[in-house]
């Protein structure tokens, strides 16, 4: 039982607490981009493990996410007048 509590605290509570601290200290746009990039990072990290294999459907989904992030970043820069 103590192992379950420890794994729950380390694997769930600590990351959620750090997320809340990050949200309170960063602007909302930075938090949104960081959270949206997590699937891309997870996909890249999976490549180092022999237990996982990359699938074409996952790559397409990540390409869509990455495209949406880039489009949003460019639109925001244009809206703010940044060149």
PDB file of N, CA and C in Angstrom:
ATOM      1  N   UNK A   1       0.817  -1.197   0.000  1.00  0.00           N
ATOM      2  CA  UNK A   1       0.000   0.000   0.000  1.00  0.00           C
ATOM      3  C   UNK A   1       0.857   1.256   0.000  1.00  0.00           C
ATOM      4  N   UNK A   2       1.974   1.247   0.736  1.00  0.00           N
ATOM      5  CA  UNK A   2       2.832   2.427   0.782  1.00  0.00           C
ATOM      6  C   UNK A   2       3.480   2.710  -0.575  1.00  0.00           C
ATOM      7  N   UNK A   3       3.723   1.670  -1.367  1.00  0.00           N
ATOM      8  CA  UNK A   3       4.269   1.868  -2.708  1.00  0.00           C
ATOM      9  C   UNK A   3       3.279   2.600  -3.593  1.00  0.00           C
ATOM     10  N   UNK A   4       2.016   2.250  -3.505  1.00  0.00           N
ATOM     11  CA  UNK A   4       0.983   2.910  -4.295  1.00  0.00           C
ATOM     12  C   UNK A   4       0.877   4.390  -3.925  1.00  0.00           C
ATOM     13  N   UNK A   5       0.931   4.674  -2.646  1.00  0.00           N
ATOM     14  CA  UNK A   5       0.870   6.062  -2.189  1.00  0.00           C
ATOM     15  C   UNK A   5       2.089   6.833  -2.680  1.00  0.00           C
ATOM     16  N   UNK A   6       3.253   6.239  -2.609  1.00  0.00           N
ATOM     17  CA  UNK A   6       4.477   6.900  -3.069  1.00  0.00           C
ATOM     18  C   UNK A   6       4.430   7.172  -4.567  1.00  0.00           C
ATOM     19  N   UNK A   7       4.054   6.168  -5.353  1.00  0.00           N
ATOM     20  CA  UNK A   7       3.972   6.346  -6.805  1.00  0.00           C
ATOM     21  C   UNK A   7       2.919   7.393  -7.155  1.00  0.00           C
ATOM     22  N   UNK A   8       1.816   7.384  -6.441  1.00  0.00           N
ATOM     23  CA  UNK A   8       0.778   8.388  -6.686  1.00  0.00           C
ATOM     24  C   UNK A   8       1.294   9.789  -6.391  1.00  0.00           C
ATOM     25  N   UNK A   9       2.011   9.936  -5.299  1.00  0.00           N
ATOM     26  CA  UNK A   9       2.527  11.256  -4.933  1.00  0.00           C
ATOM     27  C   UNK A   9       3.568  11.737  -5.932  1.00  0.00           C
ATOM     28  N   UNK A  10       4.491  10.869  -6.279  1.00  0.00           N
ATOM     29  CA  UNK A  10       5.570  11.267  -7.182  1.00  0.00           C
ATOM     30  C   UNK A  10       5.070  11.400  -8.622  1.00  0.00           C
ATOM     31  N   UNK A  11       4.211  10.503  -9.048  1.00  0.00           N
ATOM     32  CA  UNK A  11       3.774  10.484 -10.434  1.00  0.00           C
ATOM     33  C   UNK A  11       2.601  11.374 -10.758  1.00  0.00           C
ATOM     34  N   UNK A  12       1.831  11.765  -9.755  1.00  0.00           N
ATOM     35  CA  UNK A  12       0.632  12.566 -10.019  1.00  0.00           C
ATOM     36  C   UNK A  12       0.667  13.895  -9.279  1.00  0.00           C
ATOM     37  N   UNK A  13       0.825  13.853  -7.990  1.00  0.00           N
ATOM     38  CA  UNK A  13       0.721  15.080  -7.193  1.00  0.00           C
ATOM     39  C   UNK A  13       1.846  16.071  -7.472  1.00  0.00           C
ATOM     40  N   UNK A  14       3.065  15.600  -7.535  1.00  0.00           N
ATOM     41  CA  UNK A  14       4.198  16.509  -7.766  1.00  0.00           C
ATOM     42  C   UNK A  14       4.114  17.174  -9.144  1.00  0.00           C
ATOM     43  N   UNK A  15       3.883  16.429 -10.233  1.00  0.00           N
ATOM     44  CA  UNK A  15       3.760  17.106 -11.523  1.00  0.00           C
ATOM     45  C   UNK A  15       2.586  18.094 -11.582  1.00  0.00           C
ATOM     46  N   UNK A  16       1.461  17.741 -10.969  1.00  0.00           N
ATOM     47  CA  UNK A  16       0.333  18.671 -10.966  1.00  0.00           C
ATOM     48  C   UNK A  16       0.640  19.934 -10.165  1.00  0.00           C
ATOM     49  N   UNK A  17       1.335  19.778  -9.058  1.00  0.00           N
ATOM     50  CA  UNK A  17       1.734  20.943  -8.273  1.00  0.00           C
ATOM     51  C   UNK A  17       2.689  21.833  -9.075  1.00  0.00           C
ATOM     52  N   UNK A  18       3.676  21.216  -9.736  1.00  0.00           N
ATOM     53  CA  UNK A  18       4.606  21.989 -10.543  1.00  0.00           C
ATOM     54  C   UNK A  18       3.910  22.667 -11.721  1.00  0.00           C
ATOM     55  N   UNK A  19       2.913  22.013 -12.285  1.00  0.00           N
ATOM     56  CA  UNK A  19       2.130  22.634 -13.346  1.00  0.00           C
ATOM     57  C   UNK A  19       1.411  23.876 -12.845  1.00  0.00           C
ATOM     58  N   UNK A  20       0.822  23.788 -11.674  1.00  0.00           N
ATOM     59  CA  UNK A  20       0.125  24.939 -11.108  1.00  0.00           C
ATOM     60  C   UNK A  20       1.090  26.084 -10.809  1.00  0.00           C
ATOM     61  N   UNK A  21       2.276  25.765 -10.317  1.00  0.00           N
ATOM     62  CA  UNK A  21       3.285  26.804 -10.072  1.00  0.00           C
ATOM     63  C   UNK A  21       3.689  27.450 -11.390  1.00  0.00           C
ATOM     64  N   UNK A  22       3.900  26.641 -12.416  1.00  0.00           N
ATOM     65  CA  UNK A  22       4.260  27.180 -13.732  1.00  0.00           C
ATOM     66  C   UNK A  22       3.168  28.058 -14.316  1.00  0.00           C
ATOM     67  N   UNK A  23       1.914  27.648 -14.164  1.00  0.00           N
ATOM     68  CA  UNK A  23       0.800  28.439 -14.674  1.00  0.00           C
ATOM     69  C   UNK A  23       0.732  29.780 -13.964  1.00  0.00           C
ATOM     70  N   UNK A  24       0.997  29.784 -12.666  1.00  0.00           N
ATOM     71  CA  UNK A  24       0.914  31.047 -11.924  1.00  0.00           C
ATOM     72  C   UNK A  24       2.060  31.992 -12.258  1.00  0.00           C
ATOM     73  N   UNK A  25       3.189  31.467 -12.716  1.00  0.00           N
ATOM     74  CA  UNK A  25       4.362  32.311 -12.980  1.00  0.00           C
ATOM     75  C   UNK A  25       4.566  32.658 -14.446  1.00  0.00           C
ATOM     76  N   UNK A  26       3.880  32.002 -15.356  1.00  0.00           N
ATOM     77  CA  UNK A  26       4.063  32.241 -16.790  1.00  0.00           C
ATOM     78  C   UNK A  26       2.799  32.867 -17.369  1.00  0.00           C
ATOM     79  N   UNK A  27       2.955  33.408 -18.571  1.00  0.00           N
ATOM     80  CA  UNK A  27       1.760  33.915 -19.233  1.00  0.00           C
ATOM     81  C   UNK A  27       0.979  32.740 -19.839  1.00  0.00           C
ATOM     82  N   UNK A  28      -0.297  32.905 -20.064  1.00  0.00           N
ATOM     83  CA  UNK A  28      -1.125  31.787 -20.534  1.00  0.00           C
ATOM     84  C   UNK A  28      -0.682  31.210 -21.871  1.00  0.00           C
ATOM     85  N   UNK A  29      -0.154  32.042 -22.744  1.00  0.00           N
ATOM     86  CA  UNK A  29       0.276  31.558 -24.054  1.00  0.00           C
ATOM     87  C   UNK A  29       1.439  30.572 -23.921  1.00  0.00           C
ATOM     88  N   UNK A  30       2.394  30.873 -23.062  1.00  0.00           N
ATOM     89  CA  UNK A  30       3.529  29.981 -22.844  1.00  0.00           C
ATOM     90  C   UNK A  30       3.072  28.641 -22.299  1.00  0.00           C
ATOM     91  N   UNK A  31       2.138  28.665 -21.379  1.00  0.00           N
ATOM     92  CA  UNK A  31       1.610  27.424 -20.810  1.00  0.00           C
ATOM     93  C   UNK A  31       0.891  26.615 -21.880  1.00  0.00           C
ATOM     94  N   UNK A  32       0.104  27.278 -22.717  1.00  0.00           N
ATOM     95  CA  UNK A  32      -0.640  26.579 -23.768  1.00  0.00           C
ATOM     96  C   UNK A  32       0.307  25.905 -24.756  1.00  0.00           C
ATOM     97  N   UNK A  33       1.336  26.613 -25.186  1.00  0.00           N
ATOM     98  CA  UNK A  33       2.276  26.051 -26.146  1.00  0.00           C
ATOM     99  C   UNK A  33       3.052  24.893 -25.531  1.00  0.00           C
ATOM    100  N   UNK A  34       3.459  25.043 -24.290  1.00  0.00           N
ATOM    101  CA  UNK A  34       4.199  23.981 -23.616  1.00  0.00           C
ATOM    102  C   UNK A  34       3.347  22.721 -23.480  1.00  0.00           C
ATOM    103  N   UNK A  35       2.105  22.868 -23.058  1.00  0.00           N
ATOM    104  CA  UNK A  35       1.234  21.700 -22.909  1.00  0.00           C
ATOM    105  C   UNK A  35       0.900  21.069 -24.253  1.00  0.00           C
ATOM    106  N   UNK A  36       0.737  21.892 -25.289  1.00  0.00           N
ATOM    107  CA  UNK A  36       0.428  21.349 -26.609  1.00  0.00           C
ATOM    108  C   UNK A  36       1.626  20.627 -27.206  1.00  0.00           C
ATOM    109  N   UNK A  37       2.836  20.977 -26.792  1.00  0.00           N
ATOM    110  CA  UNK A  37       4.034  20.325 -27.318  1.00  0.00           C
ATOM    111  C   UNK A  37       4.336  18.999 -26.632  1.00  0.00           C
ATOM    112  N   UNK A  38       3.684  18.697 -25.545  1.00  0.00           N
ATOM    113  CA  UNK A  38       3.972  17.459 -24.814  1.00  0.00           C
ATOM    114  C   UNK A  38       3.789  16.191 -25.651  1.00  0.00           C
ATOM    115  N   UNK A  39       2.735  16.069 -26.478  1.00  0.00           N
ATOM    116  CA  UNK A  39       2.637  14.850 -27.294  1.00  0.00           C
ATOM    117  C   UNK A  39       3.808  14.689 -28.263  1.00  0.00           C
ATOM    118  N   UNK A  40       4.319  15.796 -28.789  1.00  0.00           N
ATOM    119  CA  UNK A  40       5.457  15.728 -29.703  1.00  0.00           C
ATOM    120  C   UNK A  40       6.688  15.223 -28.952  1.00  0.00           C
ATOM    121  N   UNK A  41       6.916  15.746 -27.758  1.00  0.00           N
ATOM    122  CA  UNK A  41       8.056  15.291 -26.966  1.00  0.00           C
ATOM    123  C   UNK A  41       7.910  13.820 -26.572  1.00  0.00           C
ATOM    124  N   UNK A  42       6.716  13.418 -26.208  1.00  0.00           N
ATOM    125  CA  UNK A  42       6.477  12.017 -25.845  1.00  0.00           C
ATOM    126  C   UNK A  42       6.744  11.101 -27.035  1.00  0.00           C
ATOM    127  N   UNK A  43       6.296  11.502 -28.194  1.00  0.00           N
ATOM    128  CA  UNK A  43       6.513  10.717 -29.420  1.00  0.00           C
ATOM    129  C   UNK A  43       8.008  10.571 -29.700  1.00  0.00           C
ATOM    130  N   UNK A  44       8.757  11.651 -29.524  1.00  0.00           N
ATOM    131  CA  UNK A  44      10.197  11.601 -29.772  1.00  0.00           C
ATOM    132  C   UNK A  44      10.898  10.718 -28.747  1.00  0.00           C
ATOM    133  N   UNK A  45      10.506  10.824 -27.485  1.00  0.00           N
ATOM    134  CA  UNK A  45      11.137  10.022 -26.434  1.00  0.00           C
ATOM    135  C   UNK A  45      10.837   8.534 -26.619  1.00  0.00           C
ATOM    136  N   UNK A  46       9.659   8.204 -27.138  1.00  0.00           N
ATOM    137  CA  UNK A  46       9.313   6.801 -27.359  1.00  0.00           C
ATOM    138  C   UNK A  46      10.260   6.129 -28.339  1.00  0.00           C
ATOM    139  N   UNK A  47      10.872   6.901 -29.193  1.00  0.00           N
ATOM    140  CA  UNK A  47      11.788   6.330 -30.176  1.00  0.00           C
ATOM    141  C   UNK A  47      13.022   5.704 -29.558  1.00  0.00           C
ATOM    142  N   UNK A  48      13.360   6.080 -28.332  1.00  0.00           N
ATOM    143  CA  UNK A  48      14.529   5.529 -27.667  1.00  0.00           C
ATOM    144  C   UNK A  48      14.246   4.200 -26.971  1.00  0.00           C
ATOM    145  N   UNK A  49      12.988   3.815 -26.891  1.00  0.00           N
ATOM    146  CA  UNK A  49      12.625   2.571 -26.229  1.00  0.00           C
ATOM    147  C   UNK A  49      12.327   1.497 -27.267  1.00  0.00           C
ATOM    148  N   UNK A  50      12.810   0.303 -27.023  1.00  0.00           N
ATOM    149  CA  UNK A  50      12.542  -0.796 -27.949  1.00  0.00           C
ATOM    150  C   UNK A  50      11.145  -1.383 -27.764  1.00  0.00           C
ATOM    151  N   UNK A  51      10.469  -1.005 -26.678  1.00  0.00           N
ATOM    152  CA  UNK A  51       9.124  -1.541 -26.421  1.00  0.00           C
ATOM    153  C   UNK A  51       8.056  -0.843 -27.252  1.00  0.00           C
ATOM    154  N   UNK A  52       8.357   0.346 -27.734  1.00  0.00           N
ATOM    155  CA  UNK A  52       7.385   1.106 -28.524  1.00  0.00           C
ATOM    156  C   UNK A  52       7.841   1.161 -29.972  1.00  0.00           C
ATOM    157  N   UNK A  53       6.875   1.315 -30.842  1.00  0.00           N
ATOM    158  CA  UNK A  53       7.227   1.576 -32.235  1.00  0.00           C
ATOM    159  C   UNK A  53       6.344   2.710 -32.746  1.00  0.00           C
ATOM    160  N   UNK A  54       6.942   3.555 -33.536  1.00  0.00           N
ATOM    161  CA  UNK A  54       6.211   4.698 -34.074  1.00  0.00           C
ATOM    162  C   UNK A  54       5.209   4.217 -35.102  1.00  0.00           C
ATOM    163  N   UNK A  55       4.036   4.810 -35.089  1.00  0.00           N
ATOM    164  CA  UNK A  55       3.009   4.469 -36.071  1.00  0.00           C
ATOM    165  C   UNK A  55       2.734   5.668 -36.955  1.00  0.00           C
ATOM    166  N   UNK A  56       2.285   5.386 -38.156  1.00  0.00           N
ATOM    167  CA  UNK A  56       1.995   6.446 -39.111  1.00  0.00           C
ATOM    168  C   UNK A  56       0.841   7.323 -38.629  1.00  0.00           C
ATOM    169  N   UNK A  57      -0.168   6.719 -38.026  1.00  0.00           N
ATOM    170  CA  UNK A  57      -1.314   7.492 -37.540  1.00  0.00           C
ATOM    171  C   UNK A  57      -0.903   8.469 -36.436  1.00  0.00           C
ATOM    172  N   UNK A  58      -0.015   8.025 -35.558  1.00  0.00           N
ATOM    173  CA  UNK A  58       0.476   8.911 -34.506  1.00  0.00           C
ATOM    174  C   UNK A  58       1.294  10.040 -35.105  1.00  0.00           C
ATOM    175  N   UNK A  59       2.118   9.737 -36.084  1.00  0.00           N
ATOM    176  CA  UNK A  59       2.917  10.777 -36.736  1.00  0.00           C
ATOM    177  C   UNK A  59       2.030  11.811 -37.422  1.00  0.00           C
ATOM    178  N   UNK A  60       0.951  11.378 -38.051  1.00  0.00           N
ATOM    179  CA  UNK A  60       0.014  12.320 -38.689  1.00  0.00           C
ATOM    180  C   UNK A  60      -0.631  13.212 -37.635  1.00  0.00           C
ATOM    181  N   UNK A  61      -1.068  12.632 -36.534  1.00  0.00           N
ATOM    182  CA  UNK A  61      -1.668  13.421 -35.461  1.00  0.00           C
ATOM    183  C   UNK A  61      -0.704  14.447 -34.900  1.00  0.00           C
ATOM    184  N   UNK A  62       0.538  14.044 -34.724  1.00  0.00           N
ATOM    185  CA  UNK A  62       1.539  14.977 -34.221  1.00  0.00           C
ATOM    186  C   UNK A  62       1.862  16.068 -35.236  1.00  0.00           C
ATOM    187  N   UNK A  63       1.835  15.730 -36.512  1.00  0.00           N
ATOM    188  CA  UNK A  63       2.041  16.747 -37.540  1.00  0.00           C
ATOM    189  C   UNK A  63       0.919  17.786 -37.509  1.00  0.00           C
ATOM    190  N   UNK A  64      -0.296  17.337 -37.257  1.00  0.00           N
ATOM    191  CA  UNK A  64      -1.424  18.255 -37.154  1.00  0.00           C
ATOM    192  C   UNK A  64      -1.261  19.162 -35.938  1.00  0.00           C
ATOM    193  N   UNK A  65      -0.858  18.583 -34.810  1.00  0.00           N
ATOM    194  CA  UNK A  65      -0.644  19.375 -33.598  1.00  0.00           C
ATOM    195  C   UNK A  65       0.468  20.398 -33.815  1.00  0.00           C
ATOM    196  N   UNK A  66       1.570  19.952 -34.406  1.00  0.00           N
ATOM    197  CA  UNK A  66       2.690  20.853 -34.652  1.00  0.00           C
ATOM    198  C   UNK A  66       2.298  21.962 -35.622  1.00  0.00           C
ATOM    199  N   UNK A  67       1.562  21.613 -36.656  1.00  0.00           N
ATOM    200  CA  UNK A  67       1.089  22.632 -37.603  1.00  0.00           C
ATOM    201  C   UNK A  67       0.189  23.655 -36.932  1.00  0.00           C
ATOM    202  N   UNK A  68      -0.701  23.195 -36.079  1.00  0.00           N
ATOM    203  CA  UNK A  68      -1.590  24.117 -35.370  1.00  0.00           C
ATOM    204  C   UNK A  68      -0.802  25.030 -34.436  1.00  0.00           C
ATOM    205  N   UNK A  69       0.223  24.482 -33.762  1.00  0.00           N
ATOM    206  CA  UNK A  69       1.064  25.301 -32.894  1.00  0.00           C
ATOM    207  C   UNK A  69       1.807  26.370 -33.686  1.00  0.00           C
ATOM    208  N   UNK A  70       2.389  25.974 -34.807  1.00  0.00           N
ATOM    209  CA  UNK A  70       3.118  26.939 -35.627  1.00  0.00           C
ATOM    210  C   UNK A  70       2.194  28.009 -36.199  1.00  0.00           C
ATOM    211  N   UNK A  71       1.022  27.585 -36.647  1.00  0.00           N
ATOM    212  CA  UNK A  71       0.060  28.537 -37.193  1.00  0.00           C
ATOM    213  C   UNK A  71      -0.377  29.531 -36.122  1.00  0.00           C
ATOM    214  N   UNK A  72      -0.650  29.033 -34.929  1.00  0.00           N
ATOM    215  CA  UNK A  72      -1.054  29.904 -33.837  1.00  0.00           C
ATOM    216  C   UNK A  72       0.072  30.867 -33.458  1.00  0.00           C
ATOM    217  N   UNK A  73       1.309  30.362 -33.443  1.00  0.00           N
ATOM    218  CA  UNK A  73       2.444  31.230 -33.106  1.00  0.00           C
ATOM    219  C   UNK A  73       2.619  32.325 -34.145  1.00  0.00           C
ATOM    220  N   UNK A  74       2.479  31.981 -35.427  1.00  0.00           N
ATOM    221  CA  UNK A  74       2.610  32.998 -36.475  1.00  0.00           C
ATOM    222  C   UNK A  74       1.463  34.000 -36.412  1.00  0.00           C
ATOM    223  N   UNK A  75       0.258  33.519 -36.159  1.00  0.00           N
ATOM    224  CA  UNK A  75      -0.893  34.420 -36.060  1.00  0.00           C
ATOM    225  C   UNK A  75      -0.737  35.355 -34.871  1.00  0.00           C
ATOM    226  N   UNK A  76      -0.231  34.848 -33.779  1.00  0.00           N
ATOM    227  CA  UNK A  76      -0.024  35.690 -32.592  1.00  0.00           C
ATOM    228  C   UNK A  76       1.028  36.751 -32.860  1.00  0.00           C
ATOM    229  N   UNK A  77       2.127  36.368 -33.532  1.00  0.00           N
ATOM    230  CA  UNK A  77       3.170  37.339 -33.859  1.00  0.00           C
ATOM    231  C   UNK A  77       2.609  38.423 -34.780  1.00  0.00           C
ATOM    232  N   UNK A  78       1.796  38.028 -35.736  1.00  0.00           N
ATOM    233  CA  UNK A  78       1.209  38.999 -36.665  1.00  0.00           C
ATOM    234  C   UNK A  78       0.240  39.904 -35.909  1.00  0.00           C
ATOM    235  N   UNK A  79      -0.551  39.325 -35.008  1.00  0.00           N
ATOM    236  CA  UNK A  79      -1.515  40.105 -34.244  1.00  0.00           C
ATOM    237  C   UNK A  79      -0.808  41.108 -33.333  1.00  0.00           C
ATOM    238  N   UNK A  80       0.332  40.709 -32.770  1.00  0.00           N
ATOM    239  CA  UNK A  80       1.089  41.593 -31.888  1.00  0.00           C
ATOM    240  C   UNK A  80       1.972  42.560 -32.667  1.00  0.00           C
ATOM    241  N   UNK A  81       2.118  42.344 -33.971  1.00  0.00           N
ATOM    242  CA  UNK A  81       2.939  43.226 -34.775  1.00  0.00           C
ATOM    243  C   UNK A  81       4.428  42.929 -34.668  1.00  0.00           C
ATOM    244  N   UNK A  82       4.784  41.695 -34.308  1.00  0.00           N
ATOM    245  CA  UNK A  82       6.186  41.309 -34.182  1.00  0.00           C
ATOM    246  C   UNK A  82       6.663  40.802 -35.527  1.00  0.00           C
ATOM    247  N   UNK A  83       7.839  41.243 -35.939  1.00  0.00           N
ATOM    248  CA  UNK A  83       8.391  40.776 -37.225  1.00  0.00           C
ATOM    249  C   UNK A  83       9.538  39.847 -37.018  1.00  0.00           C
TER     250      UNK A  83
END
